[in-house]
C-alpha atoms as a PDB file:
ATOM      1  CA  MET A   1     -86.339  20.553  22.714  1.00  0.00           C
ATOM      2  CA  THR A   2     -87.639  20.749  19.165  1.00  0.00           C
ATOM      3  CA  ASP A   3     -85.888  22.951  16.615  1.00  0.00           C
ATOM      4  CA  SER A   4     -88.870  25.304  16.422  1.00  0.00           C
ATOM      5  CA  LYS A   5     -88.972  25.694  20.207  1.00  0.00           C
ATOM      6  CA  LYS A   6     -85.225  26.252  20.295  1.00  0.00           C
ATOM      7  CA  GLN A   7     -85.455  28.909  17.576  1.00  0.00           C
ATOM      8  CA  LEU A   8     -88.364  30.624  19.329  1.00  0.00           C
ATOM      9  CA  THR A   9     -86.497  30.562  22.641  1.00  0.00           C
ATOM     10  CA  GLU A  10     -83.460  32.144  20.976  1.00  0.00           C
ATOM     11  CA  LYS A  11     -85.625  34.797  19.306  1.00  0.00           C
ATOM     12  CA  LEU A  12     -87.449  35.736  22.504  1.00  0.00           C
ATOM     13  CA  THR A  13     -84.194  35.792  24.456  1.00  0.00           C
ATOM     14  CA  LYS A  14     -82.847  38.312  21.932  1.00  0.00           C
ATOM     15  CA  ASP A  15     -86.108  40.316  22.053  1.00  0.00           C
ATOM     16  CA  LEU A  16     -86.157  40.478  25.858  1.00  0.00           C
ATOM     17  CA  ASP A  17     -86.122  44.052  27.095  1.00  0.00           C
ATOM     18  CA  VAL A  18     -86.051  45.774  30.463  1.00  0.00           C
ATOM     19  CA  THR A  19     -88.370  48.706  30.973  1.00  0.00           C
ATOM     20  CA  ASP A  20     -90.102  50.811  33.605  1.00  0.00           C
ATOM     21  CA  TRP A  21     -93.749  50.954  34.628  1.00  0.00           C
ATOM     22  CA  LYS A  22     -94.373  54.230  32.794  1.00  0.00           C
ATOM     23  CA  SER A  23     -93.663  52.471  29.488  1.00  0.00           C
ATOM     24  CA  LEU A  24     -95.995  49.600  30.376  1.00  0.00           C
ATOM     25  CA  HIS A  25     -98.980  51.446  31.832  1.00  0.00           C
ATOM     26  CA  HIS A  26    -100.816  51.864  28.530  1.00  0.00           C
ATOM     27  CA  HIS A  27    -100.702  48.076  28.020  1.00  0.00           C
ATOM     28  CA  PHE A  28    -102.313  47.679  31.460  1.00  0.00           C
ATOM     29  CA  VAL A  29    -105.042  50.162  30.518  1.00  0.00           C
ATOM     30  CA  ARG A  30    -105.679  48.216  27.293  1.00  0.00           C
ATOM     31  CA  ASP A  31    -105.982  45.016  29.371  1.00  0.00           C
ATOM     32  CA  ASN A  32    -103.290  43.154  27.446  1.00  0.00           C
ATOM     33  CA  LEU A  33    -100.599  43.034  30.144  1.00  0.00           C
ATOM     34  CA  PHE A  34     -99.712  39.868  32.037  1.00  0.00           C
ATOM     35  CA  LEU A  35     -97.417  39.428  35.015  1.00  0.00           C
ATOM     36  CA  VAL A  36     -95.251  36.296  35.123  1.00  0.00           C
ATOM     37  CA  HIS A  37     -94.381  35.102  38.637  1.00  0.00           C
ATOM     38  CA  GLU A  38     -90.702  35.144  39.533  1.00  0.00           C
ATOM     39  CA  THR A  39     -90.678  31.380  40.112  1.00  0.00           C
ATOM     40  CA  LEU A  40     -91.200  30.790  36.393  1.00  0.00           C
ATOM     41  CA  ASP A  41     -88.459  31.114  33.830  1.00  0.00           C
ATOM     42  CA  PHE A  42     -89.685  34.219  32.018  1.00  0.00           C
ATOM     43  CA  VAL A  43     -88.615  33.275  28.487  1.00  0.00           C
ATOM     44  CA  ASP A  44     -89.800  29.662  28.834  1.00  0.00           C
ATOM     45  CA  ALA A  45     -93.249  30.821  29.997  1.00  0.00           C
ATOM     46  CA  CYS A  46     -93.494  33.227  27.049  1.00  0.00           C
ATOM     47  CA  VAL A  47     -92.432  30.443  24.668  1.00  0.00           C
ATOM     48  CA  ASP A  48     -95.254  28.281  26.062  1.00  0.00           C
ATOM     49  CA  VAL A  49     -97.722  31.087  25.361  1.00  0.00           C
ATOM     50  CA  ALA A  50     -96.332  31.725  21.869  1.00  0.00           C
ATOM     51  CA  GLN A  51     -96.550  28.023  21.031  1.00  0.00           C
ATOM     52  CA  ASP A  52    -100.111  27.900  22.373  1.00  0.00           C
ATOM     53  CA  ASN A  53     -99.239  25.163  24.862  1.00  0.00           C
ATOM     54  CA  GLN A  54    -102.701  25.328  26.397  1.00  0.00           C
ATOM     55  CA  SER A  55    -102.221  22.735  29.127  1.00  0.00           C
ATOM     56  CA  LEU A  56     -99.128  24.447  30.550  1.00  0.00           C
ATOM     57  CA  VAL A  57    -100.495  27.976  30.123  1.00  0.00           C
ATOM     58  CA  ASN A  58    -103.815  27.027  31.725  1.00  0.00           C
ATOM     59  CA  ASN A  59    -101.869  25.500  34.617  1.00  0.00           C
ATOM     60  CA  TYR A  60     -99.831  28.710  35.010  1.00  0.00           C
ATOM     61  CA  ILE A  61    -103.020  30.761  35.057  1.00  0.00           C
ATOM     62  CA  GLN A  62    -104.820  28.453  37.516  1.00  0.00           C
ATOM     63  CA  GLU A  63    -101.833  28.578  39.877  1.00  0.00           C
ATOM     64  CA  GLY A  64    -101.588  32.376  39.568  1.00  0.00           C
ATOM     65  CA  GLN A  65     -98.157  32.190  37.968  1.00  0.00           C
ATOM     66  CA  ILE A  66     -99.378  34.165  34.954  1.00  0.00           C
ATOM     67  CA  ARG A  67    -102.041  36.745  35.695  1.00  0.00           C
ATOM     68  CA  ARG A  68    -103.137  40.289  35.095  1.00  0.00           C
ATOM     69  CA  PRO A  69    -101.700  42.812  37.557  1.00  0.00           C
ATOM     70  CA  ASP A  70    -104.140  44.354  40.032  1.00  0.00           C
ATOM     71  CA  GLY A  71    -104.701  47.990  40.949  1.00  0.00           C
ATOM     72  CA  LEU A  72    -102.740  47.798  44.202  1.00  0.00           C
ATOM     73  CA  GLU A  73     -99.676  46.497  42.373  1.00  0.00           C
ATOM     74  CA  VAL A  74    -100.005  49.236  39.795  1.00  0.00           C
ATOM     75  CA  GLU A  75    -100.106  51.910  42.507  1.00  0.00           C
ATOM     76  CA  LYS A  76     -97.044  50.384  44.170  1.00  0.00           C
ATOM     77  CA  TRP A  77     -95.135  50.234  40.878  1.00  0.00           C
ATOM     78  CA  HIS A  78     -96.031  53.828  40.109  1.00  0.00           C
ATOM     79  CA  LYS A  79     -94.500  54.902  43.430  1.00  0.00           C
ATOM     80  CA  GLU A  80     -91.535  52.524  43.640  1.00  0.00           C
ATOM     81  CA  LYS A  81     -90.549  52.629  39.945  1.00  0.00           C
ATOM     82  CA  PRO A  82     -89.265  49.063  39.572  1.00  0.00           C
ATOM     83  CA  LEU A  83     -87.901  47.692  36.331  1.00  0.00           C
ATOM     84  CA  PHE A  84     -89.493  44.794  34.487  1.00  0.00           C
ATOM     85  CA  LYS A  85     -88.368  42.183  32.026  1.00  0.00           C
ATOM     86  CA  CYS A  86     -90.669  42.592  29.068  1.00  0.00           C
ATOM     87  CA  LEU A  87     -91.632  40.499  26.042  1.00  0.00           C
ATOM     88  CA  VAL A  88     -94.354  40.895  23.461  1.00  0.00           C
ATOM     89  CA  VAL A  89     -96.208  37.764  22.454  1.00  0.00           C
ATOM     90  CA  SER A  90     -98.747  39.461  20.248  1.00  0.00           C
ATOM     91  CA  PRO A  91    -101.276  40.681  21.106  1.00  0.00           C
ATOM     92  CA  PHE A  92    -100.125  40.467  24.718  1.00  0.00           C
ATOM     93  CA  VAL A  93     -97.256  41.958  26.707  1.00  0.00           C
ATOM     94  CA  PHE A  94     -95.656  39.832  29.419  1.00  0.00           C
ATOM     95  CA  ILE A  95     -93.662  41.292  32.284  1.00  0.00           C
ATOM     96  CA  GLN A  96     -91.677  40.013  35.226  1.00  0.00           C
ATOM     97  CA  LEU A  97     -90.269  42.119  38.036  1.00  0.00           C
ATOM     98  CA  THR A  98     -86.506  42.490  38.192  1.00  0.00           C
ATOM     99  CA  ASP A  99     -84.342  43.074  41.248  1.00  0.00           C
ATOM    100  CA  ILE A 100     -83.323  46.471  39.889  1.00  0.00           C
ATOM    101  CA  SER A 101     -85.104  49.601  41.121  1.00  0.00           C
ATOM    102  CA  LEU A 102     -85.226  53.151  39.768  1.00  0.00           C
ATOM    103  CA  LYS A 103     -86.624  54.630  42.959  1.00  0.00           C
ATOM    104  CA  LYS A 104     -85.041  57.999  43.548  1.00  0.00           C
ATOM    105  CA  LYS A 105     -84.053  58.976  47.043  1.00  0.00           C
ATOM    106  CA  GLU A 106     -86.125  61.828  48.362  1.00  0.00           C
ATOM    107  CA  ASP A 107     -84.173  64.530  50.159  1.00  0.00           C
END
């Protein structure tokens, strides 16, 4: 790993946040939100985007491992209130579902 990639990985690891769908919805509306599949290492995928590694990023996109969320997912997230890992790689926001849920039990 090059020094620049190592430094970027460390920076993005520190910047990683966990948030809910409500905080992300406006990024979806603006069409700058991307979902990273759970089989990818979230930070590594974001580093590839930040470093403009076109061959890897194009491969992720072609395989559906990085894509824009669809309307059905958005509806589900609105109801189920999952939490997401979140990173900004300007001008885009990348998310990945976590195993944690905020869903409140209905009485």
